[in-house]
Amino acid sequence: MRIRLNGEEIDTTAKDLAALIEDRGFDVAGVATALNGEFVPRGLRAETTLAEGDAVEVLRPMQGG
């Protein structure tokens, strides 16, 4: 299926948000996620299914100011 990840169109076979995070090599514990503009807590990623055209944002915390 085709989705948007951090603003970039990608093809993925991941069925849920947890699988997508792992497939793309993100640090599972070190990122925050959103699906179609809604925050998704880490504990809900595995039950958050993906669909064609979804927009996923994966954010890494940054330090500094």
Foldseek 3Di string as FASTA:
>chain_A
DWEAEQNRIDDDPDFWQQVVCVVVPHDLVFKWKDKQRHTDDSVCGVVHTDDPHIYMYIGGDDDDD
